[in-house]
Amino acid sequence: MAAGDDETKLRLKATIHFTVGRICQNMSEEYRRKLSRQVVAAITETTFGQCEIFAKDLEAFAKHAKRCTVSADDVKLLARRSTALSTHIQRKSEEVEQEQKALKKKKKNKDADESKE
C-alpha cells in the first residue's frame, strides 16, 4: 500500500470516528447513558471494517458484470440481506431516477423552446 493510500485510509477512519462520536454523543444525550471512549472506538473499527467489506463486494459485483463502474444495482445487491436497508436504498434509487427523468424532460423542453426561436 502506498503512502498516499495509508494517508487516505487514516483520514477516512478519522472521519468515521468523528461521525460515530457525534452519533454516540447524540444517543447518549437522548437516552441519558454514557458511552466510553472504548465503545466509540470499537464501533468505529467495526464500521470501518464493514465499509471495507462493502467496497470489496461492490467491486466484485461490478467486475462480475464486466463493468469498471459500480452501479446502483450493485448497491441494491449488496443491501439484499438487510430488509430495512434494501427498502431504503430502493426508495432512494427511485427518487434519483424520478429526479433524473424530470431534469431530462426539463432540458428537452428547453431545447425545443430554443429551437422554435
Protein backbone atom coordinates (compact mmCIF):
# COMPACT_ATOMS: atom_id res chain seq x y z
CA MET A 1 0.00 0.00 0.00
CA ALA A 2 1.41 3.40 -0.99
CA ALA A 3 1.94 6.28 1.41
CA GLY A 4 -0.96 8.18 -0.17
CA ASP A 5 -3.24 5.20 0.35
CA ASP A 6 -2.23 5.00 4.02
CA GLU A 7 -2.96 8.69 4.47
CA THR A 8 -6.33 8.37 2.76
CA LYS A 9 -7.22 5.38 4.92
CA LEU A 10 -6.27 7.29 8.09
CA ARG A 11 -8.32 10.31 7.01
CA LEU A 12 -11.33 8.10 6.26
CA LYS A 13 -11.01 6.34 9.60
CA ALA A 14 -10.73 9.70 11.39
CA THR A 15 -13.86 10.94 9.60
CA ILE A 16 -15.76 7.81 10.57
CA HIS A 17 -14.53 8.13 14.15
CA PHE A 18 -15.72 11.74 14.31
CA THR A 19 -19.13 10.82 12.87
CA VAL A 20 -19.55 7.80 15.15
CA GLY A 21 -18.57 10.01 18.10
CA ARG A 22 -21.24 12.57 17.22
CA ILE A 23 -23.91 9.91 16.79
CA CYS A 24 -22.93 8.29 20.10
CA GLN A 25 -22.99 11.69 21.81
CA ASN A 26 -26.48 12.39 20.48
CA MET A 27 -27.70 8.95 21.52
CA SER A 28 -26.13 9.37 24.96
CA GLU A 29 -27.99 12.61 25.47
CA GLU A 30 -31.25 11.17 24.19
CA TYR A 31 -31.11 8.02 26.36
CA ARG A 32 -29.21 9.58 29.28
CA ARG A 33 -26.47 6.97 29.14
CA LYS A 34 -22.75 7.44 28.86
CA LEU A 35 -20.62 5.59 26.34
CA SER A 36 -16.93 5.12 26.99
CA ARG A 37 -14.23 6.06 24.51
CA GLN A 38 -13.51 2.37 24.08
CA VAL A 39 -17.09 1.76 22.93
CA VAL A 40 -16.87 4.59 20.41
CA ALA A 41 -13.53 3.21 19.17
CA ALA A 42 -14.98 -0.31 18.86
CA ILE A 43 -17.98 0.95 16.89
CA THR A 44 -15.62 2.94 14.67
CA GLU A 45 -13.43 -0.10 13.96
CA THR A 46 -16.47 -2.26 13.23
CA THR A 47 -17.96 0.37 10.92
CA PHE A 48 -14.68 0.88 9.07
CA GLY A 49 -14.21 -2.87 8.67
CA GLN A 50 -17.74 -3.26 7.33
CA CYS A 51 -17.15 -0.42 4.85
CA GLU A 52 -14.03 -2.21 3.60
CA ILE A 53 -16.05 -5.39 3.08
CA PHE A 54 -18.78 -3.43 1.28
CA ALA A 55 -16.21 -1.81 -1.01
CA LYS A 56 -14.68 -5.16 -1.95
CA ASP A 57 -18.12 -6.70 -2.55
CA LEU A 58 -19.23 -3.78 -4.72
CA GLU A 59 -16.03 -4.01 -6.74
CA ALA A 60 -16.58 -7.76 -7.22
CA PHE A 61 -20.20 -7.27 -8.32
CA ALA A 62 -19.17 -4.69 -10.93
CA LYS A 63 -16.27 -6.85 -12.12
CA HIS A 64 -18.56 -9.88 -12.41
CA ALA A 65 -20.85 -7.81 -14.65
CA LYS A 66 -17.78 -6.84 -16.72
CA ARG A 67 -18.03 -3.20 -15.69
CA CYS A 68 -15.44 -0.83 -14.25
CA THR A 69 -18.04 1.31 -12.50
CA VAL A 70 -20.19 0.36 -9.52
CA SER A 71 -23.88 0.88 -10.31
CA ALA A 72 -27.00 1.37 -8.23
CA ASP A 73 -27.90 -2.25 -8.97
CA ASP A 74 -24.65 -3.34 -7.30
CA VAL A 75 -25.57 -1.36 -4.19
CA LYS A 76 -29.05 -2.91 -4.16
CA LEU A 77 -27.49 -6.36 -4.44
CA LEU A 78 -25.15 -5.56 -1.55
CA ALA A 79 -28.07 -4.50 0.67
CA ARG A 80 -30.22 -7.55 -0.06
CA ARG A 81 -29.55 -9.17 3.33
CA SER A 82 -30.97 -6.25 5.29
CA THR A 83 -34.65 -5.67 4.58
CA ALA A 84 -34.68 -2.17 6.07
CA LEU A 85 -31.53 -1.10 4.24
CA SER A 86 -32.70 -2.66 1.00
CA THR A 87 -36.05 -0.86 1.23
CA HIS A 88 -34.32 2.45 2.00
CA ILE A 89 -31.89 2.10 -0.91
CA GLN A 90 -34.69 1.07 -3.28
CA ARG A 91 -36.71 4.13 -2.28
CA LYS A 92 -33.73 6.47 -2.72
CA SER A 93 -32.90 4.89 -6.07
CA GLU A 94 -36.43 5.53 -7.29
CA GLU A 95 -36.23 9.15 -6.10
CA VAL A 96 -32.98 9.68 -8.01
CA GLU A 97 -34.45 8.10 -11.16
CA GLN A 98 -37.50 10.39 -10.96
CA GLU A 99 -35.28 13.45 -10.49
CA GLN A 100 -33.15 12.46 -13.48
CA LYS A 101 -36.25 11.94 -15.64
CA ALA A 102 -37.58 15.34 -14.59
CA LEU A 103 -34.26 17.00 -15.46
CA LYS A 104 -34.16 15.29 -18.86
CA LYS A 105 -37.74 16.38 -19.57
CA LYS A 106 -36.94 19.94 -18.49
CA LYS A 107 -33.84 20.01 -20.71
CA LYS A 108 -35.78 18.56 -23.65
CA ASN A 109 -38.49 21.22 -23.26
CA LYS A 110 -35.86 23.95 -23.01
CA ASP A 111 -34.11 22.70 -26.16
CA ALA A 112 -37.46 22.56 -28.01
CA ASP A 113 -38.28 26.13 -26.93
CA GLU A 114 -34.86 27.37 -28.10
CA SER A 115 -35.24 25.70 -31.50
CA LYS A 116 -38.60 27.47 -32.03
CA GLU A 117 -36.96 30.87 -31.63
